[in-house]
Amino acid sequence: MKRELIPYFLEIQDLQLKNKELERNLKNLQVEYESFRSENLGIVQKKEEELKNITDSLKKLKDQQKEKEDQIILLKEKLNNEEKRILVLKNPKEVIHVEKEIES
């Protein structure tokens, strides 16, 4: 009866060896995974920060553009008012004076 059990014991021993090998492989993979995750998490965080900086810069540029457009509108209105004022003036000296104001 003991001889009949020997193949089973050998099979169990073989399975135990395979199990230990698989456990080592699993530990190695876990270490690799953690390393990979750490590296890529850093990269993702850097890219998110870059994206935020670009978004902030874009917002500032749009705000500056809006300010400049508003200034242009105000200057156009001022120019139109001055041109209307010139048309009303009769005295040539006043016209020259107003034209100089417009130029400045």
PDB file of N, CA and C in Angstrom:
ATOM      1  N   MET A   1       0.811  -1.184   0.000  1.00  0.00           N
ATOM      2  CA  MET A   1       0.000   0.000   0.000  1.00  0.00           C
ATOM      3  C   MET A   1       0.863   1.259   0.000  1.00  0.00           C
ATOM      4  N   LYS A   2       1.982   1.212   0.659  1.00  0.00           N
ATOM      5  CA  LYS A   2       2.863   2.368   0.686  1.00  0.00           C
ATOM      6  C   LYS A   2       3.413   2.655  -0.698  1.00  0.00           C
ATOM      7  N   ARG A   3       3.694   1.669  -1.461  1.00  0.00           N
ATOM      8  CA  ARG A   3       4.210   1.858  -2.815  1.00  0.00           C
ATOM      9  C   ARG A   3       3.177   2.525  -3.702  1.00  0.00           C
ATOM     10  N   GLU A   4       1.970   2.243  -3.476  1.00  0.00           N
ATOM     11  CA  GLU A   4       0.912   2.840  -4.291  1.00  0.00           C
ATOM     12  C   GLU A   4       0.808   4.342  -4.044  1.00  0.00           C
ATOM     13  N   LEU A   5       1.210   4.786  -2.876  1.00  0.00           N
ATOM     14  CA  LEU A   5       1.094   6.205  -2.533  1.00  0.00           C
ATOM     15  C   LEU A   5       2.264   7.044  -3.060  1.00  0.00           C
ATOM     16  N   ILE A   6       3.353   6.408  -3.390  1.00  0.00           N
ATOM     17  CA  ILE A   6       4.547   7.134  -3.832  1.00  0.00           C
ATOM     18  C   ILE A   6       4.257   8.047  -5.025  1.00  0.00           C
ATOM     19  N   PRO A   7       3.554   7.605  -6.069  1.00  0.00           N
ATOM     20  CA  PRO A   7       3.276   8.523  -7.193  1.00  0.00           C
ATOM     21  C   PRO A   7       2.457   9.743  -6.742  1.00  0.00           C
ATOM     22  N   TYR A   8       1.565   9.533  -5.813  1.00  0.00           N
ATOM     23  CA  TYR A   8       0.758  10.652  -5.328  1.00  0.00           C
ATOM     24  C   TYR A   8       1.621  11.647  -4.547  1.00  0.00           C
ATOM     25  N   PHE A   9       2.498  11.117  -3.728  1.00  0.00           N
ATOM     26  CA  PHE A   9       3.401  11.997  -2.981  1.00  0.00           C
ATOM     27  C   PHE A   9       4.326  12.774  -3.924  1.00  0.00           C
ATOM     28  N   LEU A  10       4.799  12.100  -4.943  1.00  0.00           N
ATOM     29  CA  LEU A  10       5.655  12.775  -5.920  1.00  0.00           C
ATOM     30  C   LEU A  10       4.873  13.873  -6.669  1.00  0.00           C
ATOM     31  N   GLU A  11       3.648  13.569  -6.982  1.00  0.00           N
ATOM     32  CA  GLU A  11       2.801  14.556  -7.663  1.00  0.00           C
ATOM     33  C   GLU A  11       2.530  15.747  -6.740  1.00  0.00           C
ATOM     34  N   ILE A  12       2.282  15.466  -5.470  1.00  0.00           N
ATOM     35  CA  ILE A  12       2.057  16.541  -4.496  1.00  0.00           C
ATOM     36  C   ILE A  12       3.315  17.401  -4.371  1.00  0.00           C
ATOM     37  N   GLN A  13       4.457  16.743  -4.299  1.00  0.00           N
ATOM     38  CA  GLN A  13       5.719  17.467  -4.194  1.00  0.00           C
ATOM     39  C   GLN A  13       5.937  18.347  -5.429  1.00  0.00           C
ATOM     40  N   ASP A  14       5.654  17.806  -6.584  1.00  0.00           N
ATOM     41  CA  ASP A  14       5.788  18.562  -7.827  1.00  0.00           C
ATOM     42  C   ASP A  14       4.846  19.772  -7.827  1.00  0.00           C
ATOM     43  N   LEU A  15       3.626  19.565  -7.370  1.00  0.00           N
ATOM     44  CA  LEU A  15       2.654  20.661  -7.306  1.00  0.00           C
ATOM     45  C   LEU A  15       3.101  21.734  -6.305  1.00  0.00           C
ATOM     46  N   GLN A  16       3.695  21.321  -5.214  1.00  0.00           N
ATOM     47  CA  GLN A  16       4.186  22.280  -4.232  1.00  0.00           C
ATOM     48  C   GLN A  16       5.325  23.127  -4.813  1.00  0.00           C
ATOM     49  N   LEU A  17       6.207  22.478  -5.563  1.00  0.00           N
ATOM     50  CA  LEU A  17       7.291  23.222  -6.211  1.00  0.00           C
ATOM     51  C   LEU A  17       6.743  24.231  -7.231  1.00  0.00           C
ATOM     52  N   LYS A  18       5.774  23.791  -8.002  1.00  0.00           N
ATOM     53  CA  LYS A  18       5.159  24.695  -8.985  1.00  0.00           C
ATOM     54  C   LYS A  18       4.455  25.857  -8.273  1.00  0.00           C
ATOM     55  N   ASN A  19       3.831  25.519  -7.144  1.00  0.00           N
ATOM     56  CA  ASN A  19       3.136  26.554  -6.376  1.00  0.00           C
ATOM     57  C   ASN A  19       4.125  27.608  -5.868  1.00  0.00           C
ATOM     58  N   LYS A  20       5.273  27.171  -5.341  1.00  0.00           N
ATOM     59  CA  LYS A  20       6.278  28.112  -4.856  1.00  0.00           C
ATOM     60  C   LYS A  20       6.815  28.973  -5.998  1.00  0.00           C
ATOM     61  N   GLU A  21       7.023  28.373  -7.143  1.00  0.00           N
ATOM     62  CA  GLU A  21       7.507  29.123  -8.297  1.00  0.00           C
ATOM     63  C   GLU A  21       6.482  30.177  -8.728  1.00  0.00           C
ATOM     64  N   LEU A  22       5.219  29.766  -8.746  1.00  0.00           N
ATOM     65  CA  LEU A  22       4.165  30.714  -9.123  1.00  0.00           C
ATOM     66  C   LEU A  22       4.048  31.843  -8.104  1.00  0.00           C
ATOM     67  N   GLU A  23       4.245  31.542  -6.832  1.00  0.00           N
ATOM     68  CA  GLU A  23       4.201  32.584  -5.805  1.00  0.00           C
ATOM     69  C   GLU A  23       5.346  33.578  -5.998  1.00  0.00           C
ATOM     70  N   ARG A  24       6.536  33.082  -6.340  1.00  0.00           N
ATOM     71  CA  ARG A  24       7.668  33.970  -6.620  1.00  0.00           C
ATOM     72  C   ARG A  24       7.370  34.851  -7.827  1.00  0.00           C
ATOM     73  N   ASN A  25       6.810  34.229  -8.856  1.00  0.00           N
ATOM     74  CA  ASN A  25       6.454  35.003 -10.057  1.00  0.00           C
ATOM     75  C   ASN A  25       5.423  36.075  -9.723  1.00  0.00           C
ATOM     76  N   LEU A  26       4.467  35.711  -8.896  1.00  0.00           N
ATOM     77  CA  LEU A  26       3.430  36.661  -8.502  1.00  0.00           C
ATOM     78  C   LEU A  26       4.045  37.831  -7.744  1.00  0.00           C
ATOM     79  N   LYS A  27       4.949  37.572  -6.815  1.00  0.00           N
ATOM     80  CA  LYS A  27       5.603  38.643  -6.062  1.00  0.00           C
ATOM     81  C   LYS A  27       6.405  39.548  -6.998  1.00  0.00           C
ATOM     82  N   ASN A  28       7.118  38.942  -7.940  1.00  0.00           N
ATOM     83  CA  ASN A  28       7.876  39.735  -8.904  1.00  0.00           C
ATOM     84  C   ASN A  28       6.959  40.619  -9.747  1.00  0.00           C
ATOM     85  N   LEU A  29       5.851  40.055 -10.170  1.00  0.00           N
ATOM     86  CA  LEU A  29       4.896  40.836 -10.970  1.00  0.00           C
ATOM     87  C   LEU A  29       4.289  41.967 -10.150  1.00  0.00           C
ATOM     88  N   GLN A  30       4.038  41.708  -8.876  1.00  0.00           N
ATOM     89  CA  GLN A  30       3.494  42.768  -8.027  1.00  0.00           C
ATOM     90  C   GLN A  30       4.487  43.913  -7.876  1.00  0.00           C
ATOM     91  N   VAL A  31       5.752  43.576  -7.715  1.00  0.00           N
ATOM     92  CA  VAL A  31       6.787  44.606  -7.610  1.00  0.00           C
ATOM     93  C   VAL A  31       6.879  45.393  -8.911  1.00  0.00           C
ATOM     94  N   GLU A  32       6.884  44.694 -10.035  1.00  0.00           N
ATOM     95  CA  GLU A  32       6.928  45.358 -11.342  1.00  0.00           C
ATOM     96  C   GLU A  32       5.714  46.261 -11.535  1.00  0.00           C
ATOM     97  N   TYR A  33       4.552  45.765 -11.144  1.00  0.00           N
ATOM     98  CA  TYR A  33       3.325  46.543 -11.289  1.00  0.00           C
ATOM     99  C   TYR A  33       3.394  47.822 -10.461  1.00  0.00           C
ATOM    100  N   GLU A  34       3.832  47.719  -9.226  1.00  0.00           N
ATOM    101  CA  GLU A  34       3.918  48.894  -8.359  1.00  0.00           C
ATOM    102  C   GLU A  34       4.917  49.906  -8.925  1.00  0.00           C
ATOM    103  N   SER A  35       6.020  49.418  -9.428  1.00  0.00           N
ATOM    104  CA  SER A  35       7.019  50.299 -10.023  1.00  0.00           C
ATOM    105  C   SER A  35       6.444  50.997 -11.256  1.00  0.00           C
ATOM    106  N   PHE A  36       5.815  50.231 -12.114  1.00  0.00           N
ATOM    107  CA  PHE A  36       5.190  50.765 -13.326  1.00  0.00           C
ATOM    108  C   PHE A  36       4.126  51.801 -12.975  1.00  0.00           C
ATOM    109  N   ARG A  37       3.325  51.466 -11.990  1.00  0.00           N
ATOM    110  CA  ARG A  37       2.234  52.356 -11.561  1.00  0.00           C
ATOM    111  C   ARG A  37       2.805  53.667 -11.025  1.00  0.00           C
ATOM    112  N   SER A  38       3.840  53.573 -10.206  1.00  0.00           N
ATOM    113  CA  SER A  38       4.455  54.782  -9.636  1.00  0.00           C
ATOM    114  C   SER A  38       5.020  55.675 -10.730  1.00  0.00           C
ATOM    115  N   GLU A  39       5.746  55.084 -11.662  1.00  0.00           N
ATOM    116  CA  GLU A  39       6.335  55.867 -12.753  1.00  0.00           C
ATOM    117  C   GLU A  39       5.261  56.550 -13.579  1.00  0.00           C
ATOM    118  N   ASN A  40       4.254  55.804 -13.966  1.00  0.00           N
ATOM    119  CA  ASN A  40       3.222  56.365 -14.833  1.00  0.00           C
ATOM    120  C   ASN A  40       2.325  57.336 -14.101  1.00  0.00           C
ATOM    121  N   LEU A  41       2.135  57.131 -12.807  1.00  0.00           N
ATOM    122  CA  LEU A  41       1.340  58.080 -12.043  1.00  0.00           C
ATOM    123  C   LEU A  41       2.043  59.432 -12.024  1.00  0.00           C
ATOM    124  N   GLY A  42       3.364  59.408 -11.873  1.00  0.00           N
ATOM    125  CA  GLY A  42       4.133  60.643 -11.924  1.00  0.00           C
ATOM    126  C   GLY A  42       4.007  61.331 -13.267  1.00  0.00           C
ATOM    127  N   ILE A  43       4.085  60.558 -14.327  1.00  0.00           N
ATOM    128  CA  ILE A  43       3.954  61.117 -15.677  1.00  0.00           C
ATOM    129  C   ILE A  43       2.573  61.729 -15.869  1.00  0.00           C
ATOM    130  N   VAL A  44       1.546  61.025 -15.437  1.00  0.00           N
ATOM    131  CA  VAL A  44       0.175  61.523 -15.572  1.00  0.00           C
ATOM    132  C   VAL A  44       0.010  62.825 -14.785  1.00  0.00           C
ATOM    133  N   GLN A  45       0.554  62.879 -13.583  1.00  0.00           N
ATOM    134  CA  GLN A  45       0.444  64.094 -12.781  1.00  0.00           C
ATOM    135  C   GLN A  45       1.162  65.261 -13.450  1.00  0.00           C
ATOM    136  N   LYS A  46       2.337  65.002 -14.032  1.00  0.00           N
ATOM    137  CA  LYS A  46       3.057  66.057 -14.742  1.00  0.00           C
ATOM    138  C   LYS A  46       2.246  66.566 -15.928  1.00  0.00           C
ATOM    139  N   LYS A  47       1.667  65.654 -16.679  1.00  0.00           N
ATOM    140  CA  LYS A  47       0.881  66.052 -17.853  1.00  0.00           C
ATOM    141  C   LYS A  47      -0.359  66.836 -17.433  1.00  0.00           C
ATOM    142  N   GLU A  48      -0.986  66.432 -16.325  1.00  0.00           N
ATOM    143  CA  GLU A  48      -2.148  67.174 -15.842  1.00  0.00           C
ATOM    144  C   GLU A  48      -1.757  68.587 -15.431  1.00  0.00           C
ATOM    145  N   GLU A  49      -0.579  68.717 -14.809  1.00  0.00           N
ATOM    146  CA  GLU A  49      -0.099  70.036 -14.404  1.00  0.00           C
ATOM    147  C   GLU A  49       0.200  70.896 -15.634  1.00  0.00           C
ATOM    148  N   GLU A  50       0.825  70.297 -16.647  1.00  0.00           N
ATOM    149  CA  GLU A  50       1.093  71.020 -17.892  1.00  0.00           C
ATOM    150  C   GLU A  50      -0.208  71.482 -18.535  1.00  0.00           C
ATOM    151  N   LEU A  51      -1.191  70.598 -18.548  1.00  0.00           N
ATOM    152  CA  LEU A  51      -2.486  70.942 -19.130  1.00  0.00           C
ATOM    153  C   LEU A  51      -3.132  72.099 -18.370  1.00  0.00           C
ATOM    154  N   LYS A  52      -3.044  72.077 -17.051  1.00  0.00           N
ATOM    155  CA  LYS A  52      -3.610  73.145 -16.236  1.00  0.00           C
ATOM    156  C   LYS A  52      -2.905  74.462 -16.537  1.00  0.00           C
ATOM    157  N   ASN A  53      -1.575  74.431 -16.640  1.00  0.00           N
ATOM    158  CA  ASN A  53      -0.823  75.649 -16.945  1.00  0.00           C
ATOM    159  C   ASN A  53      -1.204  76.216 -18.309  1.00  0.00           C
ATOM    160  N   ILE A  54      -1.339  75.339 -19.286  1.00  0.00           N
ATOM    161  CA  ILE A  54      -1.724  75.785 -20.628  1.00  0.00           C
ATOM    162  C   ILE A  54      -3.134  76.372 -20.612  1.00  0.00           C
ATOM    163  N   THR A  55      -4.027  75.718 -19.893  1.00  0.00           N
ATOM    164  CA  THR A  55      -5.404  76.206 -19.788  1.00  0.00           C
ATOM    165  C   THR A  55      -5.439  77.581 -19.123  1.00  0.00           C
ATOM    166  N   ASP A  56      -4.654  77.751 -18.058  1.00  0.00           N
ATOM    167  CA  ASP A  56      -4.596  79.042 -17.380  1.00  0.00           C
ATOM    168  C   ASP A  56      -4.034  80.124 -18.306  1.00  0.00           C
ATOM    169  N   SER A  57      -2.983  79.785 -19.040  1.00  0.00           N
ATOM    170  CA  SER A  57      -2.394  80.743 -19.974  1.00  0.00           C
ATOM    171  C   SER A  57      -3.401  81.139 -21.053  1.00  0.00           C
ATOM    172  N   LEU A  58      -4.118  80.156 -21.552  1.00  0.00           N
ATOM    173  CA  LEU A  58      -5.126  80.422 -22.575  1.00  0.00           C
ATOM    174  C   LEU A  58      -6.218  81.346 -22.036  1.00  0.00           C
ATOM    175  N   LYS A  59      -6.635  81.123 -20.806  1.00  0.00           N
ATOM    176  CA  LYS A  59      -7.661  81.970 -20.198  1.00  0.00           C
ATOM    177  C   LYS A  59      -7.153  83.401 -20.059  1.00  0.00           C
ATOM    178  N   LYS A  60      -5.893  83.561 -19.624  1.00  0.00           N
ATOM    179  CA  LYS A  60      -5.323  84.898 -19.495  1.00  0.00           C
ATOM    180  C   LYS A  60      -5.267  85.599 -20.846  1.00  0.00           C
ATOM    181  N   LEU A  61      -4.865  84.852 -21.883  1.00  0.00           N
ATOM    182  CA  LEU A  61      -4.800  85.447 -23.216  1.00  0.00           C
ATOM    183  C   LEU A  61      -6.181  85.876 -23.707  1.00  0.00           C
ATOM    184  N   LYS A  62      -7.179  85.064 -23.436  1.00  0.00           N
ATOM    185  CA  LYS A  62      -8.538  85.432 -23.849  1.00  0.00           C
ATOM    186  C   LYS A  62      -9.009  86.672 -23.110  1.00  0.00           C
ATOM    187  N   ASP A  63      -8.664  86.765 -21.813  1.00  0.00           N
ATOM    188  CA  ASP A  63      -9.029  87.955 -21.040  1.00  0.00           C
ATOM    189  C   ASP A  63      -8.338  89.197 -21.602  1.00  0.00           C
ATOM    190  N   GLN A  64      -7.045  89.058 -21.943  1.00  0.00           N
ATOM    191  CA  GLN A  64      -6.316  90.181 -22.529  1.00  0.00           C
ATOM    192  C   GLN A  64      -6.914  90.578 -23.874  1.00  0.00           C
ATOM    193  N   GLN A  65      -7.292  89.587 -24.658  1.00  0.00           N
ATOM    194  CA  GLN A  65      -7.901  89.868 -25.959  1.00  0.00           C
ATOM    195  C   GLN A  65      -9.203  90.638 -25.772  1.00  0.00           C
ATOM    196  N   LYS A  66      -9.993  90.229 -24.800  1.00  0.00           N
ATOM    197  CA  LYS A  66     -11.273  90.907 -24.533  1.00  0.00           C
ATOM    198  C   LYS A  66     -11.027  92.352 -24.115  1.00  0.00           C
ATOM    199  N   GLU A  67     -10.017  92.569 -23.266  1.00  0.00           N
ATOM    200  CA  GLU A  67      -9.692  93.935 -22.842  1.00  0.00           C
ATOM    201  C   GLU A  67      -9.302  94.796 -24.040  1.00  0.00           C
ATOM    202  N   LYS A  68      -8.470  94.245 -24.917  1.00  0.00           N
ATOM    203  CA  LYS A  68      -8.026  94.995 -26.098  1.00  0.00           C
ATOM    204  C   LYS A  68      -9.206  95.294 -27.027  1.00  0.00           C
ATOM    205  N   GLU A  69     -10.092  94.334 -27.176  1.00  0.00           N
ATOM    206  CA  GLU A  69     -11.271  94.561 -28.024  1.00  0.00           C
ATOM    207  C   GLU A  69     -12.146  95.660 -27.434  1.00  0.00           C
ATOM    208  N   ASP A  70     -12.287  95.655 -26.109  1.00  0.00           N
ATOM    209  CA  ASP A  70     -13.070  96.714 -25.451  1.00  0.00           C
ATOM    210  C   ASP A  70     -12.410  98.078 -25.644  1.00  0.00           C
ATOM    211  N   GLN A  71     -11.075  98.118 -25.544  1.00  0.00           N
ATOM    212  CA  GLN A  71     -10.355  99.372 -25.758  1.00  0.00           C
ATOM    213  C   GLN A  71     -10.548  99.873 -27.182  1.00  0.00           C
ATOM    214  N   ILE A  72     -10.528  98.952 -28.137  1.00  0.00           N
ATOM    215  CA  ILE A  72     -10.725  99.326 -29.547  1.00  0.00           C
ATOM    216  C   ILE A  72     -12.116  99.927 -29.737  1.00  0.00           C
ATOM    217  N   ILE A  73     -13.100  99.302 -29.119  1.00  0.00           N
ATOM    218  CA  ILE A  73     -14.473  99.817 -29.240  1.00  0.00           C
ATOM    219  C   ILE A  73     -14.560 101.232 -28.673  1.00  0.00           C
ATOM    220  N   LEU A  74     -13.942 101.450 -27.505  1.00  0.00           N
ATOM    221  CA  LEU A  74     -13.966 102.784 -26.895  1.00  0.00           C
ATOM    222  C   LEU A  74     -13.241 103.807 -27.773  1.00  0.00           C
ATOM    223  N   LEU A  75     -12.106 103.425 -28.325  1.00  0.00           N
ATOM    224  CA  LEU A  75     -11.365 104.344 -29.193  1.00  0.00           C
ATOM    225  C   LEU A  75     -12.128 104.657 -30.473  1.00  0.00           C
ATOM    226  N   LYS A  76     -12.812 103.680 -31.025  1.00  0.00           N
ATOM    227  CA  LYS A  76     -13.623 103.920 -32.226  1.00  0.00           C
ATOM    228  C   LYS A  76     -14.751 104.905 -31.922  1.00  0.00           C
ATOM    229  N   GLU A  77     -15.374 104.719 -30.766  1.00  0.00           N
ATOM    230  CA  GLU A  77     -16.451 105.633 -30.380  1.00  0.00           C
ATOM    231  C   GLU A  77     -15.911 107.053 -30.191  1.00  0.00           C
ATOM    232  N   LYS A  78     -14.739 107.138 -29.542  1.00  0.00           N
ATOM    233  CA  LYS A  78     -14.135 108.451 -29.332  1.00  0.00           C
ATOM    234  C   LYS A  78     -13.781 109.102 -30.667  1.00  0.00           C
ATOM    235  N   LEU A  79     -13.234 108.298 -31.585  1.00  0.00           N
ATOM    236  CA  LEU A  79     -12.899 108.818 -32.915  1.00  0.00           C
ATOM    237  C   LEU A  79     -14.149 109.305 -33.639  1.00  0.00           C
ATOM    238  N   ASN A  80     -15.212 108.562 -33.588  1.00  0.00           N
ATOM    239  CA  ASN A  80     -16.461 108.972 -34.238  1.00  0.00           C
ATOM    240  C   ASN A  80     -16.983 110.279 -33.640  1.00  0.00           C
ATOM    241  N   ASN A  81     -16.906 110.393 -32.325  1.00  0.00           N
ATOM    242  CA  ASN A  81     -17.369 111.623 -31.679  1.00  0.00           C
ATOM    243  C   ASN A  81     -16.515 112.820 -32.100  1.00  0.00           C
ATOM    244  N   GLU A  82     -15.213 112.623 -32.180  1.00  0.00           N
ATOM    245  CA  GLU A  82     -14.322 113.710 -32.592  1.00  0.00           C
ATOM    246  C   GLU A  82     -14.555 114.084 -34.050  1.00  0.00           C
ATOM    247  N   GLU A  83     -14.791 113.094 -34.882  1.00  0.00           N
ATOM    248  CA  GLU A  83     -15.077 113.398 -36.294  1.00  0.00           C
ATOM    249  C   GLU A  83     -16.373 114.186 -36.429  1.00  0.00           C
ATOM    250  N   LYS A  84     -17.365 113.849 -35.640  1.00  0.00           N
ATOM    251  CA  LYS A  84     -18.627 114.604 -35.660  1.00  0.00           C
ATOM    252  C   LYS A  84     -18.387 116.033 -35.181  1.00  0.00           C
ATOM    253  N   ARG A  85     -17.532 116.168 -34.186  1.00  0.00           N
ATOM    254  CA  ARG A  85     -17.224 117.484 -33.647  1.00  0.00           C
ATOM    255  C   ARG A  85     -16.525 118.349 -34.698  1.00  0.00           C
ATOM    256  N   ILE A  86     -15.661 117.748 -35.490  1.00  0.00           N
ATOM    257  CA  ILE A  86     -14.969 118.499 -36.548  1.00  0.00           C
ATOM    258  C   ILE A  86     -15.972 119.026 -37.573  1.00  0.00           C
ATOM    259  N   LEU A  87     -16.940 118.201 -37.893  1.00  0.00           N
ATOM    260  CA  LEU A  87     -17.932 118.609 -38.891  1.00  0.00           C
ATOM    261  C   LEU A  87     -18.738 119.810 -38.413  1.00  0.00           C
ATOM    262  N   VAL A  88     -18.886 119.947 -37.127  1.00  0.00           N
ATOM    263  CA  VAL A  88     -19.671 121.049 -36.577  1.00  0.00           C
ATOM    264  C   VAL A  88     -18.848 122.334 -36.478  1.00  0.00           C
ATOM    265  N   LEU A  89     -17.546 122.199 -36.388  1.00  0.00           N
ATOM    266  CA  LEU A  89     -16.681 123.372 -36.217  1.00  0.00           C
ATOM    267  C   LEU A  89     -16.658 124.234 -37.482  1.00  0.00           C
ATOM    268  N   LYS A  90     -16.576 125.553 -37.261  1.00  0.00           N
ATOM    269  CA  LYS A  90     -16.536 126.496 -38.378  1.00  0.00           C
ATOM    270  C   LYS A  90     -15.161 127.151 -38.488  1.00  0.00           C
ATOM    271  N   ASN A  91     -14.534 127.360 -37.378  1.00  0.00           N
ATOM    272  CA  ASN A  91     -13.260 128.062 -37.337  1.00  0.00           C
ATOM    273  C   ASN A  91     -12.125 127.108 -37.737  1.00  0.00           C
ATOM    274  N   PRO A  92     -11.271 127.498 -38.709  1.00  0.00           N
ATOM    275  CA  PRO A  92     -10.182 126.624 -39.160  1.00  0.00           C
ATOM    276  C   PRO A  92      -9.172 126.307 -38.057  1.00  0.00           C
ATOM    277  N   LYS A  93      -8.925 127.256 -37.145  1.00  0.00           N
ATOM    278  CA  LYS A  93      -7.996 127.008 -36.059  1.00  0.00           C
ATOM    279  C   LYS A  93      -8.524 125.907 -35.134  1.00  0.00           C
ATOM    280  N   GLU A  94      -9.806 125.952 -34.877  1.00  0.00           N
ATOM    281  CA  GLU A  94     -10.418 124.919 -34.034  1.00  0.00           C
ATOM    282  C   GLU A  94     -10.323 123.555 -34.709  1.00  0.00           C
ATOM    283  N   VAL A  95     -10.524 123.546 -36.011  1.00  0.00           N
ATOM    284  CA  VAL A  95     -10.450 122.297 -36.768  1.00  0.00           C
ATOM    285  C   VAL A  95      -9.038 121.704 -36.667  1.00  0.00           C
ATOM    286  N   ILE A  96      -8.017 122.552 -36.842  1.00  0.00           N
ATOM    287  CA  ILE A  96      -6.629 122.089 -36.750  1.00  0.00           C
ATOM    288  C   ILE A  96      -6.341 121.562 -35.341  1.00  0.00           C
ATOM    289  N   HIS A  97      -6.812 122.305 -34.337  1.00  0.00           N
ATOM    290  CA  HIS A  97      -6.599 121.883 -32.947  1.00  0.00           C
ATOM    291  C   HIS A  97      -7.251 120.523 -32.670  1.00  0.00           C
ATOM    292  N   VAL A  98      -8.462 120.348 -33.125  1.00  0.00           N
ATOM    293  CA  VAL A  98      -9.183 119.090 -32.912  1.00  0.00           C
ATOM    294  C   VAL A  98      -8.515 117.951 -33.682  1.00  0.00           C
ATOM    295  N   GLU A  99      -8.028 118.210 -34.880  1.00  0.00           N
ATOM    296  CA  GLU A  99      -7.331 117.177 -35.654  1.00  0.00           C
ATOM    297  C   GLU A  99      -6.075 116.711 -34.928  1.00  0.00           C
ATOM    298  N   LYS A 100      -5.361 117.661 -34.298  1.00  0.00           N
ATOM    299  CA  LYS A 100      -4.174 117.285 -33.522  1.00  0.00           C
ATOM    300  C   LYS A 100      -4.552 116.406 -32.333  1.00  0.00           C
ATOM    301  N   GLU A 101      -5.683 116.743 -31.699  1.00  0.00           N
ATOM    302  CA  GLU A 101      -6.164 115.917 -30.580  1.00  0.00           C
ATOM    303  C   GLU A 101      -6.484 114.503 -31.051  1.00  0.00           C
ATOM    304  N   ILE A 102      -7.095 114.418 -32.209  1.00  0.00           N
ATOM    305  CA  ILE A 102      -7.461 113.113 -32.741  1.00  0.00           C
ATOM    306  C   ILE A 102      -6.203 112.280 -33.040  1.00  0.00           C
ATOM    307  N   GLU A 103      -5.194 112.929 -33.611  1.00  0.00           N
ATOM    308  CA  GLU A 103      -3.959 112.224 -33.928  1.00  0.00           C
ATOM    309  C   GLU A 103      -3.270 111.658 -32.682  1.00  0.00           C
ATOM    310  N   SER A 104      -3.360 112.464 -31.595  1.00  0.00           N
ATOM    311  CA  SER A 104      -2.696 111.990 -30.372  1.00  0.00           C
ATOM    312  C   SER A 104      -3.546 110.919 -29.713  1.00  0.00           C
TER     313      SER A 104
END
